Amino acid sequence: MRDQRSCPEPKRLTTAQEDRNTRHSVLIAVIDLHPAPITVSELIRQLTRTSEDFGERDAIEQAVIDLAGFGLLHRPDFRRRPDAFVTPTQAALCAYELLSEEED
């Protein structure tokens, strides 16, 4: 009889953890590109395998809305204007700088 070793299953993320990861990815991408502006459509293309995947697209759009609500992104109403630029707020840039200094 062969020794059947079980491989540990990868830990599944909760929806809240997935949302947090998406918000993190979106915020870092926007900050890394600053001062160059980026549209939500460009952001989606940059962060997804295919911009046609509704789930990934929706998650990024929701992350932009959430981050704007938290005061970390400036964004016009991109749902009516898909070419609208998304930029980090001064608070987001300051927090990123302060947190980056802690890692050094």
C-alpha atoms as a PDB file:
ATOM      1  CA  MET A   1       0.000   0.000   0.000  1.00  0.00           C
ATOM      2  CA  ARG A   2       1.304   3.401  -0.950  1.00  0.00           C
ATOM      3  CA  ASP A   3       1.716   6.090   1.624  1.00  0.00           C
ATOM      4  CA  GLN A   4      -0.947   8.650   0.854  1.00  0.00           C
ATOM      5  CA  ARG A   5       0.148  11.970   2.173  1.00  0.00           C
ATOM      6  CA  SER A   6      -2.393  14.648   2.247  1.00  0.00           C
ATOM      7  CA  CYS A   7      -1.431  18.077   1.044  1.00  0.00           C
ATOM      8  CA  PRO A   8      -2.783  20.830   3.173  1.00  0.00           C
ATOM      9  CA  GLU A   9      -5.520  22.681   1.384  1.00  0.00           C
ATOM     10  CA  PRO A  10      -4.797  26.322   0.756  1.00  0.00           C
ATOM     11  CA  LYS A  11      -6.478  28.585   3.227  1.00  0.00           C
ATOM     12  CA  ARG A  12      -9.602  30.137   1.726  1.00  0.00           C
ATOM     13  CA  LEU A  13     -10.060  33.834   2.223  1.00  0.00           C
ATOM     14  CA  THR A  14     -13.270  35.278   3.533  1.00  0.00           C
ATOM     15  CA  THR A  15     -15.112  37.850   1.443  1.00  0.00           C
ATOM     16  CA  ALA A  16     -13.962  40.567   3.835  1.00  0.00           C
ATOM     17  CA  GLN A  17     -10.330  39.479   3.402  1.00  0.00           C
ATOM     18  CA  GLU A  18     -10.693  39.431  -0.398  1.00  0.00           C
ATOM     19  CA  ASP A  19     -12.221  42.931  -0.306  1.00  0.00           C
ATOM     20  CA  ARG A  20      -9.379  44.188   1.889  1.00  0.00           C
ATOM     21  CA  ASN A  21      -6.785  42.695  -0.480  1.00  0.00           C
ATOM     22  CA  THR A  22      -8.470  44.341  -3.458  1.00  0.00           C
ATOM     23  CA  ARG A  23      -8.633  47.729  -1.713  1.00  0.00           C
ATOM     24  CA  HIS A  24      -4.947  47.368  -0.827  1.00  0.00           C
ATOM     25  CA  SER A  25      -3.992  46.527  -4.434  1.00  0.00           C
ATOM     26  CA  VAL A  26      -6.013  49.419  -5.830  1.00  0.00           C
ATOM     27  CA  LEU A  27      -4.626  51.960  -3.362  1.00  0.00           C
ATOM     28  CA  ILE A  28      -1.009  50.881  -3.884  1.00  0.00           C
ATOM     29  CA  ALA A  29      -1.422  50.941  -7.682  1.00  0.00           C
ATOM     30  CA  VAL A  30      -2.875  54.467  -7.625  1.00  0.00           C
ATOM     31  CA  ILE A  31      -0.190  55.718  -5.220  1.00  0.00           C
ATOM     32  CA  ASP A  32       2.618  54.091  -7.214  1.00  0.00           C
ATOM     33  CA  LEU A  33       1.442  55.829 -10.385  1.00  0.00           C
ATOM     34  CA  HIS A  34       1.024  59.225  -8.679  1.00  0.00           C
ATOM     35  CA  PRO A  35       1.338  61.948  -9.976  1.00  0.00           C
ATOM     36  CA  ALA A  36       0.353  60.317 -13.268  1.00  0.00           C
ATOM     37  CA  PRO A  37      -3.435  60.005 -13.407  1.00  0.00           C
ATOM     38  CA  ILE A  38      -5.211  56.728 -14.132  1.00  0.00           C
ATOM     39  CA  THR A  39      -8.805  55.985 -15.053  1.00  0.00           C
ATOM     40  CA  VAL A  40     -10.833  53.240 -13.425  1.00  0.00           C
ATOM     41  CA  SER A  41     -10.881  51.385 -16.764  1.00  0.00           C
ATOM     42  CA  GLU A  42      -7.075  51.529 -16.975  1.00  0.00           C
ATOM     43  CA  LEU A  43      -6.811  50.423 -13.355  1.00  0.00           C
ATOM     44  CA  ILE A  44      -9.020  47.420 -14.072  1.00  0.00           C
ATOM     45  CA  ARG A  45      -6.908  46.456 -17.094  1.00  0.00           C
ATOM     46  CA  GLN A  46      -3.737  46.805 -15.031  1.00  0.00           C
ATOM     47  CA  LEU A  47      -4.943  44.715 -12.076  1.00  0.00           C
ATOM     48  CA  THR A  48      -6.896  41.924 -13.780  1.00  0.00           C
ATOM     49  CA  ARG A  49      -6.133  38.963 -15.978  1.00  0.00           C
ATOM     50  CA  THR A  50      -8.937  40.038 -18.273  1.00  0.00           C
ATOM     51  CA  SER A  51     -10.998  43.180 -17.951  1.00  0.00           C
ATOM     52  CA  GLU A  52     -13.992  41.170 -19.167  1.00  0.00           C
ATOM     53  CA  ASP A  53     -14.285  39.236 -15.867  1.00  0.00           C
ATOM     54  CA  PHE A  54     -17.290  40.862 -14.179  1.00  0.00           C
ATOM     55  CA  GLY A  55     -16.318  39.694 -10.679  1.00  0.00           C
ATOM     56  CA  GLU A  56     -12.829  41.185 -10.820  1.00  0.00           C
ATOM     57  CA  ARG A  57     -14.054  44.371 -12.499  1.00  0.00           C
ATOM     58  CA  ASP A  58     -16.815  44.817  -9.914  1.00  0.00           C
ATOM     59  CA  ALA A  59     -14.403  44.206  -7.021  1.00  0.00           C
ATOM     60  CA  ILE A  60     -12.053  46.925  -8.271  1.00  0.00           C
ATOM     61  CA  GLU A  61     -14.880  49.382  -8.883  1.00  0.00           C
ATOM     62  CA  GLN A  62     -16.191  48.707  -5.372  1.00  0.00           C
ATOM     63  CA  ALA A  63     -12.691  49.172  -3.938  1.00  0.00           C
ATOM     64  CA  VAL A  64     -12.470  52.594  -5.619  1.00  0.00           C
ATOM     65  CA  ILE A  65     -15.844  53.556  -4.135  1.00  0.00           C
ATOM     66  CA  ASP A  66     -14.818  52.290  -0.679  1.00  0.00           C
ATOM     67  CA  LEU A  67     -11.441  54.045  -0.735  1.00  0.00           C
ATOM     68  CA  ALA A  68     -13.069  57.299  -1.838  1.00  0.00           C
ATOM     69  CA  GLY A  69     -15.548  56.900   1.007  1.00  0.00           C
ATOM     70  CA  PHE A  70     -12.654  56.433   3.438  1.00  0.00           C
ATOM     71  CA  GLY A  71     -11.111  59.664   2.118  1.00  0.00           C
ATOM     72  CA  LEU A  72      -8.152  57.953   0.456  1.00  0.00           C
ATOM     73  CA  LEU A  73      -9.028  58.521  -3.220  1.00  0.00           C
ATOM     74  CA  HIS A  74     -10.431  61.394  -5.232  1.00  0.00           C
ATOM     75  CA  ARG A  75     -12.781  60.219  -7.914  1.00  0.00           C
ATOM     76  CA  PRO A  76     -15.457  61.756 -10.031  1.00  0.00           C
ATOM     77  CA  ASP A  77     -18.505  59.622 -10.730  1.00  0.00           C
ATOM     78  CA  PHE A  78     -16.749  57.047 -12.913  1.00  0.00           C
ATOM     79  CA  ARG A  79     -19.922  55.036 -13.487  1.00  0.00           C
ATOM     80  CA  ARG A  80     -21.215  57.869 -15.687  1.00  0.00           C
ATOM     81  CA  ARG A  81     -17.749  58.876 -16.908  1.00  0.00           C
ATOM     82  CA  PRO A  82     -15.515  55.815 -17.422  1.00  0.00           C
ATOM     83  CA  ASP A  83     -12.671  58.120 -18.502  1.00  0.00           C
ATOM     84  CA  ALA A  84     -12.639  59.921 -15.130  1.00  0.00           C
ATOM     85  CA  PHE A  85      -9.313  59.964 -13.329  1.00  0.00           C
ATOM     86  CA  VAL A  86      -8.718  58.424  -9.905  1.00  0.00           C
ATOM     87  CA  THR A  87      -6.041  60.023  -7.740  1.00  0.00           C
ATOM     88  CA  PRO A  88      -4.864  59.531  -4.156  1.00  0.00           C
ATOM     89  CA  THR A  89      -5.753  62.129  -1.551  1.00  0.00           C
ATOM     90  CA  GLN A  90      -3.099  63.967   0.393  1.00  0.00           C
ATOM     91  CA  ALA A  91      -4.049  61.861   3.431  1.00  0.00           C
ATOM     92  CA  ALA A  92      -3.387  58.636   1.510  1.00  0.00           C
ATOM     93  CA  LEU A  93       0.004  59.871   0.289  1.00  0.00           C
ATOM     94  CA  CYS A  94       0.987  61.009   3.782  1.00  0.00           C
ATOM     95  CA  ALA A  95      -0.107  57.730   5.401  1.00  0.00           C
ATOM     96  CA  TYR A  96       1.735  55.725   2.742  1.00  0.00           C
ATOM     97  CA  GLU A  97       4.906  57.737   3.345  1.00  0.00           C
ATOM     98  CA  LEU A  98       4.672  57.340   7.126  1.00  0.00           C
ATOM     99  CA  LEU A  99       4.003  53.595   6.895  1.00  0.00           C
ATOM    100  CA  SER A 100       6.823  53.121   4.392  1.00  0.00           C
ATOM    101  CA  GLU A 101       9.255  54.804   6.785  1.00  0.00           C
ATOM    102  CA  GLU A 102       8.348  52.275   9.499  1.00  0.00           C
ATOM    103  CA  GLU A 103       9.437  49.409   7.247  1.00  0.00           C
ATOM    104  CA  ASP A 104      12.941  50.875   6.691  1.00  0.00           C
END
